[in-house]
PDB file of N, CA and C in Angstrom:
ATOM      1  N   MET A   1      -1.805 -40.463  44.036  1.00  0.00           N
ATOM      2  CA  MET A   1      -2.477 -39.663  45.113  1.00  0.00           C
ATOM      3  C   MET A   1      -1.989 -38.364  45.079  1.00  0.00           C
ATOM      4  N   ASN A   2      -2.849 -37.341  45.308  1.00  0.00           N
ATOM      5  CA  ASN A   2      -2.490 -35.832  45.364  1.00  0.00           C
ATOM      6  C   ASN A   2      -1.477 -35.713  46.377  1.00  0.00           C
ATOM      7  N   LYS A   3      -0.352 -34.868  46.112  1.00  0.00           N
ATOM      8  CA  LYS A   3       0.674 -34.712  46.950  1.00  0.00           C
ATOM      9  C   LYS A   3       0.220 -33.833  48.238  1.00  0.00           C
ATOM     10  N   THR A   4      -0.840 -32.987  48.029  1.00  0.00           N
ATOM     11  CA  THR A   4      -1.363 -32.280  49.239  1.00  0.00           C
ATOM     12  C   THR A   4      -2.012 -33.350  50.277  1.00  0.00           C
ATOM     13  N   LEU A   5      -2.747 -34.068  49.508  1.00  0.00           N
ATOM     14  CA  LEU A   5      -3.600 -35.249  50.358  1.00  0.00           C
ATOM     15  C   LEU A   5      -2.594 -36.188  51.116  1.00  0.00           C
ATOM     16  N   THR A   6      -1.440 -36.404  50.487  1.00  0.00           N
ATOM     17  CA  THR A   6      -0.374 -37.199  51.108  1.00  0.00           C
ATOM     18  C   THR A   6       0.148 -36.481  52.363  1.00  0.00           C
ATOM     19  N   ALA A   7       0.461 -35.174  52.109  1.00  0.00           N
ATOM     20  CA  ALA A   7       0.782 -34.405  53.382  1.00  0.00           C
ATOM     21  C   ALA A   7      -0.210 -34.332  54.494  1.00  0.00           C
ATOM     22  N   ILE A   8      -1.488 -34.264  54.015  1.00  0.00           N
ATOM     23  CA  ILE A   8      -2.504 -34.250  55.088  1.00  0.00           C
ATOM     24  C   ILE A   8      -2.592 -35.560  55.801  1.00  0.00           C
ATOM     25  N   GLY A   9      -2.532 -36.685  54.971  1.00  0.00           N
ATOM     26  CA  GLY A   9      -2.532 -38.030  55.527  1.00  0.00           C
ATOM     27  C   GLY A   9      -1.296 -38.309  56.523  1.00  0.00           C
ATOM     28  N   LEU A  10      -0.238 -37.606  56.232  1.00  0.00           N
ATOM     29  CA  LEU A  10       0.891 -37.725  57.035  1.00  0.00           C
ATOM     30  C   LEU A  10       0.689 -36.913  58.317  1.00  0.00           C
ATOM     31  N   SER A  11      -0.071 -35.785  58.140  1.00  0.00           N
ATOM     32  CA  SER A  11      -0.265 -35.022  59.390  1.00  0.00           C
ATOM     33  C   SER A  11      -1.153 -35.854  60.277  1.00  0.00           C
ATOM     34  N   LYS A  12      -2.123 -36.530  59.723  1.00  0.00           N
ATOM     35  CA  LYS A  12      -3.146 -37.362  60.519  1.00  0.00           C
ATOM     36  C   LYS A  12      -2.399 -38.428  61.255  1.00  0.00           C
ATOM     37  N   ARG A  13      -1.501 -39.089  60.576  1.00  0.00           N
ATOM     38  CA  ARG A  13      -0.718 -40.166  61.267  1.00  0.00           C
ATOM     39  C   ARG A  13       0.194 -39.660  62.301  1.00  0.00           C
ATOM     40  N   ALA A  14       0.650 -38.445  62.103  1.00  0.00           N
ATOM     41  CA  ALA A  14       1.503 -37.949  63.149  1.00  0.00           C
ATOM     42  C   ALA A  14       0.650 -37.359  64.238  1.00  0.00           C
ATOM     43  N   GLY A  15      -0.601 -37.185  64.206  1.00  0.00           N
ATOM     44  CA  GLY A  15      -1.401 -36.665  65.368  1.00  0.00           C
ATOM     45  C   GLY A  15      -1.432 -35.095  65.217  1.00  0.00           C
ATOM     46  N   LYS A  16      -1.236 -34.634  64.014  1.00  0.00           N
ATOM     47  CA  LYS A  16      -1.067 -33.077  63.934  1.00  0.00           C
ATOM     48  C   LYS A  16      -2.223 -32.450  63.123  1.00  0.00           C
ATOM     49  N   LEU A  17      -3.418 -33.222  62.888  1.00  0.00           N
ATOM     50  CA  LEU A  17      -4.458 -32.746  62.103  1.00  0.00           C
ATOM     51  C   LEU A  17      -5.784 -32.840  62.808  1.00  0.00           C
ATOM     52  N   ILE A  18      -6.576 -31.831  62.500  1.00  0.00           N
ATOM     53  CA  ILE A  18      -8.002 -31.733  63.049  1.00  0.00           C
ATOM     54  C   ILE A  18      -8.864 -31.732  61.700  1.00  0.00           C
ATOM     55  N   THR A  19      -9.800 -32.437  61.711  1.00  0.00           N
ATOM     56  CA  THR A  19     -10.704 -32.329  60.654  1.00  0.00           C
ATOM     57  C   THR A  19     -12.226 -32.075  60.845  1.00  0.00           C
ATOM     58  N   GLY A  20     -12.985 -31.453  60.039  1.00  0.00           N
ATOM     59  CA  GLY A  20     -14.438 -31.162  60.279  1.00  0.00           C
ATOM     60  C   GLY A  20     -14.627 -29.805  60.752  1.00  0.00           C
ATOM     61  N   PHE A  21     -15.697 -29.141  60.425  1.00  0.00           N
ATOM     62  CA  PHE A  21     -15.946 -27.794  60.586  1.00  0.00           C
ATOM     63  C   PHE A  21     -15.851 -27.325  61.982  1.00  0.00           C
ATOM     64  N   GLU A  22     -16.676 -28.122  62.868  1.00  0.00           N
ATOM     65  CA  GLU A  22     -16.818 -27.672  64.439  1.00  0.00           C
ATOM     66  C   GLU A  22     -15.435 -27.767  65.080  1.00  0.00           C
ATOM     67  N   ALA A  23     -14.814 -28.916  64.736  1.00  0.00           N
ATOM     68  CA  ALA A  23     -13.472 -29.129  65.415  1.00  0.00           C
ATOM     69  C   ALA A  23     -12.411 -28.140  64.918  1.00  0.00           C
ATOM     70  N   VAL A  24     -12.399 -27.782  63.719  1.00  0.00           N
ATOM     71  CA  VAL A  24     -11.376 -26.851  63.005  1.00  0.00           C
ATOM     72  C   VAL A  24     -11.848 -25.360  63.716  1.00  0.00           C
ATOM     73  N   CYS A  25     -12.985 -25.047  63.802  1.00  0.00           N
ATOM     74  CA  CYS A  25     -13.231 -23.775  64.440  1.00  0.00           C
ATOM     75  C   CYS A  25     -12.850 -23.580  65.825  1.00  0.00           C
ATOM     76  N   GLY A  26     -13.092 -24.711  66.549  1.00  0.00           N
ATOM     77  CA  GLY A  26     -12.569 -24.781  67.967  1.00  0.00           C
ATOM     78  C   GLY A  26     -11.095 -24.703  68.120  1.00  0.00           C
ATOM     79  N   GLY A  27     -10.449 -25.317  67.060  1.00  0.00           N
ATOM     80  CA  GLY A  27      -8.975 -25.410  67.047  1.00  0.00           C
ATOM     81  C   GLY A  27      -8.223 -24.263  66.706  1.00  0.00           C
ATOM     82  N   LEU A  28      -8.885 -23.407  65.846  1.00  0.00           N
ATOM     83  CA  LEU A  28      -8.139 -22.154  65.459  1.00  0.00           C
ATOM     84  C   LEU A  28      -7.721 -21.298  66.535  1.00  0.00           C
ATOM     85  N   SER A  29      -8.277 -21.144  67.781  1.00  0.00           N
ATOM     86  CA  SER A  29      -7.871 -20.397  68.732  1.00  0.00           C
ATOM     87  C   SER A  29      -6.671 -20.929  69.571  1.00  0.00           C
ATOM     88  N   GLU A  30      -6.407 -22.208  69.232  1.00  0.00           N
ATOM     89  CA  GLU A  30      -5.222 -22.816  69.993  1.00  0.00           C
ATOM     90  C   GLU A  30      -4.011 -22.405  69.379  1.00  0.00           C
ATOM     91  N   LYS A  31      -3.009 -22.468  70.251  1.00  0.00           N
ATOM     92  CA  LYS A  31      -1.464 -22.149  69.733  1.00  0.00           C
ATOM     93  C   LYS A  31      -1.020 -23.304  68.986  1.00  0.00           C
ATOM     94  N   GLY A  32      -0.102 -22.899  68.073  1.00  0.00           N
ATOM     95  CA  GLY A  32       0.549 -23.888  67.228  1.00  0.00           C
ATOM     96  C   GLY A  32      -0.071 -24.247  65.931  1.00  0.00           C
ATOM     97  N   PHE A  33      -1.267 -24.035  65.654  1.00  0.00           N
ATOM     98  CA  PHE A  33      -2.095 -24.221  64.455  1.00  0.00           C
ATOM     99  C   PHE A  33      -1.635 -23.366  63.410  1.00  0.00           C
ATOM    100  N   CYS A  34      -1.071 -23.906  62.199  1.00  0.00           N
ATOM    101  CA  CYS A  34      -0.657 -23.004  61.277  1.00  0.00           C
ATOM    102  C   CYS A  34      -1.641 -22.425  60.305  1.00  0.00           C
ATOM    103  N   GLY A  35      -2.587 -23.299  59.755  1.00  0.00           N
ATOM    104  CA  GLY A  35      -3.384 -22.838  58.711  1.00  0.00           C
ATOM    105  C   GLY A  35      -4.541 -23.985  58.407  1.00  0.00           C
ATOM    106  N   VAL A  36      -5.503 -23.427  57.657  1.00  0.00           N
ATOM    107  CA  VAL A  36      -6.616 -24.484  57.206  1.00  0.00           C
ATOM    108  C   VAL A  36      -6.511 -24.669  55.762  1.00  0.00           C
ATOM    109  N   ILE A  37      -6.754 -25.931  55.431  1.00  0.00           N
ATOM    110  CA  ILE A  37      -6.790 -26.301  53.988  1.00  0.00           C
ATOM    111  C   ILE A  37      -8.288 -26.763  53.667  1.00  0.00           C
ATOM    112  N   LEU A  38      -8.795 -26.083  52.714  1.00  0.00           N
ATOM    113  CA  LEU A  38     -10.236 -26.426  52.156  1.00  0.00           C
ATOM    114  C   LEU A  38     -10.260 -27.248  50.992  1.00  0.00           C
ATOM    115  N   ALA A  39     -11.264 -28.233  50.887  1.00  0.00           N
ATOM    116  CA  ALA A  39     -11.348 -29.005  49.716  1.00  0.00           C
ATOM    117  C   ALA A  39     -12.039 -28.069  48.550  1.00  0.00           C
ATOM    118  N   SER A  40     -11.886 -28.431  47.353  1.00  0.00           N
ATOM    119  CA  SER A  40     -12.412 -27.508  46.374  1.00  0.00           C
ATOM    120  C   SER A  40     -13.837 -27.555  46.122  1.00  0.00           C
ATOM    121  N   ASP A  41     -14.513 -28.524  46.775  1.00  0.00           N
ATOM    122  CA  ASP A  41     -16.064 -28.611  46.553  1.00  0.00           C
ATOM    123  C   ASP A  41     -16.650 -28.226  47.964  1.00  0.00           C
ATOM    124  N   ILE A  42     -15.992 -27.571  48.822  1.00  0.00           N
ATOM    125  CA  ILE A  42     -16.618 -27.083  50.024  1.00  0.00           C
ATOM    126  C   ILE A  42     -17.660 -26.067  49.674  1.00  0.00           C
ATOM    127  N   SER A  43     -18.831 -25.967  50.533  1.00  0.00           N
ATOM    128  CA  SER A  43     -19.838 -25.037  50.310  1.00  0.00           C
ATOM    129  C   SER A  43     -19.486 -23.738  50.353  1.00  0.00           C
ATOM    130  N   GLU A  44     -19.756 -22.692  49.718  1.00  0.00           N
ATOM    131  CA  GLU A  44     -19.633 -21.186  50.026  1.00  0.00           C
ATOM    132  C   GLU A  44     -19.784 -20.746  51.412  1.00  0.00           C
ATOM    133  N   LYS A  45     -20.874 -21.199  52.110  1.00  0.00           N
ATOM    134  CA  LYS A  45     -21.280 -20.779  53.321  1.00  0.00           C
ATOM    135  C   LYS A  45     -20.187 -21.280  54.354  1.00  0.00           C
ATOM    136  N   THR A  46     -19.710 -22.514  54.175  1.00  0.00           N
ATOM    137  CA  THR A  46     -18.727 -23.219  55.141  1.00  0.00           C
ATOM    138  C   THR A  46     -17.331 -22.405  54.882  1.00  0.00           C
ATOM    139  N   GLU A  47     -17.014 -22.075  53.575  1.00  0.00           N
ATOM    140  CA  GLU A  47     -15.785 -21.439  53.243  1.00  0.00           C
ATOM    141  C   GLU A  47     -15.819 -19.974  53.955  1.00  0.00           C
ATOM    142  N   LYS A  48     -16.963 -19.332  53.749  1.00  0.00           N
ATOM    143  CA  LYS A  48     -16.917 -18.035  54.407  1.00  0.00           C
ATOM    144  C   LYS A  48     -16.858 -17.958  55.969  1.00  0.00           C
ATOM    145  N   GLU A  49     -17.414 -18.991  56.450  1.00  0.00           N
ATOM    146  CA  GLU A  49     -17.444 -19.089  57.948  1.00  0.00           C
ATOM    147  C   GLU A  49     -15.984 -19.391  58.504  1.00  0.00           C
ATOM    148  N   ILE A  50     -15.437 -20.367  57.739  1.00  0.00           N
ATOM    149  CA  ILE A  50     -14.045 -20.712  58.132  1.00  0.00           C
ATOM    150  C   ILE A  50     -13.148 -19.551  57.968  1.00  0.00           C
ATOM    151  N   CYS A  51     -13.165 -18.858  56.802  1.00  0.00           N
ATOM    152  CA  CYS A  51     -12.479 -17.689  56.514  1.00  0.00           C
ATOM    153  C   CYS A  51     -12.570 -16.626  57.538  1.00  0.00           C
ATOM    154  N   PHE A  52     -13.819 -16.380  58.121  1.00  0.00           N
ATOM    155  CA  PHE A  52     -14.016 -15.502  59.260  1.00  0.00           C
ATOM    156  C   PHE A  52     -13.399 -15.748  60.514  1.00  0.00           C
ATOM    157  N   PHE A  53     -13.386 -17.070  60.886  1.00  0.00           N
ATOM    158  CA  PHE A  53     -12.842 -17.493  62.202  1.00  0.00           C
ATOM    159  C   PHE A  53     -11.198 -17.538  62.088  1.00  0.00           C
ATOM    160  N   ALA A  54     -10.683 -17.991  60.817  1.00  0.00           N
ATOM    161  CA  ALA A  54      -9.189 -17.884  60.603  1.00  0.00           C
ATOM    162  C   ALA A  54      -8.797 -16.529  60.636  1.00  0.00           C
ATOM    163  N   GLU A  55      -9.277 -15.607  60.017  1.00  0.00           N
ATOM    164  CA  GLU A  55      -8.978 -14.118  60.093  1.00  0.00           C
ATOM    165  C   GLU A  55      -8.891 -13.656  61.523  1.00  0.00           C
ATOM    166  N   LYS A  56      -9.969 -14.108  62.200  1.00  0.00           N
ATOM    167  CA  LYS A  56     -10.170 -13.559  63.682  1.00  0.00           C
ATOM    168  C   LYS A  56      -8.748 -14.133  64.389  1.00  0.00           C
ATOM    169  N   TYR A  57      -8.371 -15.251  64.182  1.00  0.00           N
ATOM    170  CA  TYR A  57      -7.102 -15.643  64.756  1.00  0.00           C
ATOM    171  C   TYR A  57      -5.815 -15.775  64.119  1.00  0.00           C
ATOM    172  N   ASN A  58      -5.809 -14.887  62.994  1.00  0.00           N
ATOM    173  CA  ASN A  58      -4.699 -14.656  62.147  1.00  0.00           C
ATOM    174  C   ASN A  58      -4.146 -15.966  61.563  1.00  0.00           C
ATOM    175  N   ARG A  59      -4.925 -16.984  61.040  1.00  0.00           N
ATOM    176  CA  ARG A  59      -4.491 -18.175  60.415  1.00  0.00           C
ATOM    177  C   ARG A  59      -4.738 -18.094  58.763  1.00  0.00           C
ATOM    178  N   SER A  60      -3.852 -18.733  58.246  1.00  0.00           N
ATOM    179  CA  SER A  60      -4.118 -18.914  56.789  1.00  0.00           C
ATOM    180  C   SER A  60      -5.041 -19.861  56.261  1.00  0.00           C
ATOM    181  N   VAL A  61      -5.734 -19.468  55.195  1.00  0.00           N
ATOM    182  CA  VAL A  61      -6.663 -20.513  54.610  1.00  0.00           C
ATOM    183  C   VAL A  61      -6.390 -20.761  53.161  1.00  0.00           C
ATOM    184  N   VAL A  62      -6.222 -21.921  52.758  1.00  0.00           N
ATOM    185  CA  VAL A  62      -5.858 -22.295  51.357  1.00  0.00           C
ATOM    186  C   VAL A  62      -6.862 -23.243  50.828  1.00  0.00           C
ATOM    187  N   LYS A  63      -7.406 -22.918  49.585  1.00  0.00           N
ATOM    188  CA  LYS A  63      -8.367 -23.821  48.869  1.00  0.00           C
ATOM    189  C   LYS A  63      -7.452 -24.776  48.088  1.00  0.00           C
ATOM    190  N   ALA A  64      -7.702 -26.037  48.296  1.00  0.00           N
ATOM    191  CA  ALA A  64      -6.884 -27.032  47.498  1.00  0.00           C
ATOM    192  C   ALA A  64      -7.534 -27.465  46.284  1.00  0.00           C
ATOM    193  N   ASP A  65      -6.881 -28.400  45.590  1.00  0.00           N
ATOM    194  CA  ASP A  65      -7.318 -28.885  44.288  1.00  0.00           C
ATOM    195  C   ASP A  65      -7.859 -30.405  44.403  1.00  0.00           C
ATOM    196  N   PHE A  66      -8.383 -30.759  45.524  1.00  0.00           N
ATOM    197  CA  PHE A  66      -8.951 -32.098  45.765  1.00  0.00           C
ATOM    198  C   PHE A  66     -10.436 -31.945  46.246  1.00  0.00           C
ATOM    199  N   THR A  67     -11.100 -33.071  46.079  1.00  0.00           N
ATOM    200  CA  THR A  67     -12.572 -32.934  46.566  1.00  0.00           C
ATOM    201  C   THR A  67     -12.571 -33.623  47.849  1.00  0.00           C
ATOM    202  N   MET A  68     -13.854 -33.569  48.442  1.00  0.00           N
ATOM    203  CA  MET A  68     -13.987 -34.234  49.855  1.00  0.00           C
ATOM    204  C   MET A  68     -14.145 -35.655  49.543  1.00  0.00           C
ATOM    205  N   ASP A  69     -14.543 -36.351  48.347  1.00  0.00           N
ATOM    206  CA  ASP A  69     -14.442 -37.592  48.108  1.00  0.00           C
ATOM    207  C   ASP A  69     -13.056 -38.164  48.053  1.00  0.00           C
ATOM    208  N   GLU A  70     -12.165 -37.372  47.458  1.00  0.00           N
ATOM    209  CA  GLU A  70     -10.865 -37.639  47.310  1.00  0.00           C
ATOM    210  C   GLU A  70     -10.127 -37.744  48.748  1.00  0.00           C
ATOM    211  N   ALA A  71     -10.628 -36.737  49.669  1.00  0.00           N
ATOM    212  CA  ALA A  71      -9.953 -36.697  50.920  1.00  0.00           C
ATOM    213  C   ALA A  71     -10.420 -37.908  51.846  1.00  0.00           C
ATOM    214  N   LEU A  72     -11.576 -38.511  51.381  1.00  0.00           N
ATOM    215  CA  LEU A  72     -11.960 -39.618  52.069  1.00  0.00           C
ATOM    216  C   LEU A  72     -10.925 -40.813  52.052  1.00  0.00           C
ATOM    217  N   ASN A  73     -10.367 -41.038  50.885  1.00  0.00           N
ATOM    218  CA  ASN A  73      -9.136 -42.121  50.660  1.00  0.00           C
ATOM    219  C   ASN A  73      -8.021 -41.626  51.563  1.00  0.00           C
ATOM    220  N   ALA A  74      -7.735 -40.476  51.618  1.00  0.00           N
ATOM    221  CA  ALA A  74      -6.414 -40.058  52.393  1.00  0.00           C
ATOM    222  C   ALA A  74      -6.694 -40.110  53.875  1.00  0.00           C
ATOM    223  N   VAL A  75      -7.704 -39.557  54.513  1.00  0.00           N
ATOM    224  CA  VAL A  75      -7.821 -39.528  55.819  1.00  0.00           C
ATOM    225  C   VAL A  75      -8.929 -40.280  56.596  1.00  0.00           C
ATOM    226  N   GLY A  76      -9.704 -41.039  55.702  1.00  0.00           N
ATOM    227  CA  GLY A  76     -10.776 -41.881  56.143  1.00  0.00           C
ATOM    228  C   GLY A  76     -11.939 -41.305  56.675  1.00  0.00           C
ATOM    229  N   LYS A  77     -12.207 -40.058  56.153  1.00  0.00           N
ATOM    230  CA  LYS A  77     -13.357 -39.348  56.643  1.00  0.00           C
ATOM    231  C   LYS A  77     -13.788 -38.406  55.502  1.00  0.00           C
ATOM    232  N   ARG A  78     -14.957 -38.305  55.044  1.00  0.00           N
ATOM    233  CA  ARG A  78     -15.376 -37.358  54.064  1.00  0.00           C
ATOM    234  C   ARG A  78     -15.668 -35.975  54.675  1.00  0.00           C
ATOM    235  N   THR A  79     -14.570 -35.109  54.454  1.00  0.00           N
ATOM    236  CA  THR A  79     -14.625 -33.830  54.924  1.00  0.00           C
ATOM    237  C   THR A  79     -13.863 -32.953  54.077  1.00  0.00           C
ATOM    238  N   GLY A  80     -14.101 -31.670  54.269  1.00  0.00           N
ATOM    239  CA  GLY A  80     -13.394 -30.668  53.280  1.00  0.00           C
ATOM    240  C   GLY A  80     -12.596 -29.574  54.026  1.00  0.00           C
ATOM    241  N   VAL A  81     -12.534 -29.735  55.451  1.00  0.00           N
ATOM    242  CA  VAL A  81     -11.903 -28.687  56.232  1.00  0.00           C
ATOM    243  C   VAL A  81     -10.775 -29.471  57.164  1.00  0.00           C
ATOM    244  N   PHE A  82      -9.551 -28.956  57.040  1.00  0.00           N
ATOM    245  CA  PHE A  82      -8.405 -29.565  57.603  1.00  0.00           C
ATOM    246  C   PHE A  82      -7.499 -28.400  58.334  1.00  0.00           C
ATOM    247  N   LEU A  83      -7.153 -28.738  59.543  1.00  0.00           N
ATOM    248  CA  LEU A  83      -6.349 -27.780  60.258  1.00  0.00           C
ATOM    249  C   LEU A  83      -5.089 -28.595  60.771  1.00  0.00           C
ATOM    250  N   ILE A  84      -3.924 -27.991  60.326  1.00  0.00           N
ATOM    251  CA  ILE A  84      -2.670 -28.669  60.607  1.00  0.00           C
ATOM    252  C   ILE A  84      -1.833 -28.044  61.667  1.00  0.00           C
ATOM    253  N   ASN A  85      -1.327 -28.812  62.681  1.00  0.00           N
ATOM    254  CA  ASN A  85      -0.741 -28.243  63.713  1.00  0.00           C
ATOM    255  C   ASN A  85       0.845 -28.477  63.707  1.00  0.00           C
ATOM    256  N   ASP A  86       1.490 -28.242  62.552  1.00  0.00           N
ATOM    257  CA  ASP A  86       2.874 -28.418  62.510  1.00  0.00           C
ATOM    258  C   ASP A  86       3.249 -27.599  61.218  1.00  0.00           C
ATOM    259  N   GLU A  87       4.100 -26.602  61.494  1.00  0.00           N
ATOM    260  CA  GLU A  87       4.443 -25.581  60.337  1.00  0.00           C
ATOM    261  C   GLU A  87       5.167 -26.397  59.174  1.00  0.00           C
ATOM    262  N   GLY A  88       5.906 -27.292  59.362  1.00  0.00           N
ATOM    263  CA  GLY A  88       6.679 -27.992  58.299  1.00  0.00           C
ATOM    264  C   GLY A  88       5.498 -28.721  57.497  1.00  0.00           C
ATOM    265  N   LEU A  89       4.637 -29.512  58.092  1.00  0.00           N
ATOM    266  CA  LEU A  89       3.559 -30.293  57.286  1.00  0.00           C
ATOM    267  C   LEU A  89       2.616 -29.460  56.696  1.00  0.00           C
ATOM    268  N   PHE A  90       2.336 -28.275  57.134  1.00  0.00           N
ATOM    269  CA  PHE A  90       1.434 -27.191  56.545  1.00  0.00           C
ATOM    270  C   PHE A  90       2.024 -26.965  55.266  1.00  0.00           C
ATOM    271  N   LYS A  91       3.374 -26.411  55.376  1.00  0.00           N
ATOM    272  CA  LYS A  91       4.135 -25.826  54.208  1.00  0.00           C
ATOM    273  C   LYS A  91       4.168 -26.988  53.217  1.00  0.00           C
ATOM    274  N   ALA A  92       4.403 -28.316  53.576  1.00  0.00           N
ATOM    275  CA  ALA A  92       4.608 -29.337  52.654  1.00  0.00           C
ATOM    276  C   ALA A  92       3.242 -29.654  51.857  1.00  0.00           C
ATOM    277  N   ALA A  93       2.095 -29.442  52.652  1.00  0.00           N
ATOM    278  CA  ALA A  93       0.600 -29.625  52.089  1.00  0.00           C
ATOM    279  C   ALA A  93       0.372 -28.436  51.021  1.00  0.00           C
ATOM    280  N   VAL A  94       0.691 -27.241  51.405  1.00  0.00           N
ATOM    281  CA  VAL A  94       0.264 -26.158  50.502  1.00  0.00           C
ATOM    282  C   VAL A  94       1.145 -25.835  49.406  1.00  0.00           C
ATOM    283  N   LYS A  95       2.355 -26.331  49.271  1.00  0.00           N
ATOM    284  CA  LYS A  95       3.364 -26.038  48.465  1.00  0.00           C
ATOM    285  C   LYS A  95       2.877 -26.620  47.004  1.00  0.00           C
ATOM    286  N   HIS A  96       2.072 -27.724  47.050  1.00  0.00           N
ATOM    287  CA  HIS A  96       1.684 -28.277  45.786  1.00  0.00           C
ATOM    288  C   HIS A  96       0.311 -27.817  45.305  1.00  0.00           C
ATOM    289  N   ILE A  97      -0.238 -26.839  45.910  1.00  0.00           N
ATOM    290  CA  ILE A  97      -1.394 -26.250  45.528  1.00  0.00           C
ATOM    291  C   ILE A  97      -1.243 -25.153  44.530  1.00  0.00           C
ATOM    292  N   VAL A  98      -1.873 -25.243  43.495  1.00  0.00           N
ATOM    293  CA  VAL A  98      -1.627 -24.175  42.397  1.00  0.00           C
ATOM    294  C   VAL A  98      -2.576 -22.947  42.579  1.00  0.00           C
TER     295      VAL A  98
END
């Protein structure tokens, strides 16, 4: 399994993960959230909107090297937008993205 997805799965088990467009947009304004990870096959429109909200709240956005179908196996939900609420887990997830 992709190491980024492993870190995302760990974030979910730790209760430090928000998934899905609407939930992530709502969570970006909350304190403690470090950044957003996007699946490689996310739509351009969704990516543009997430980047807009993330910039508004000074959050990082990283496009990953996994697809939404691969994310399904890691988190149990086919989604392409992930928000992590732990700096260490976020760093662990993005350090493997080329």
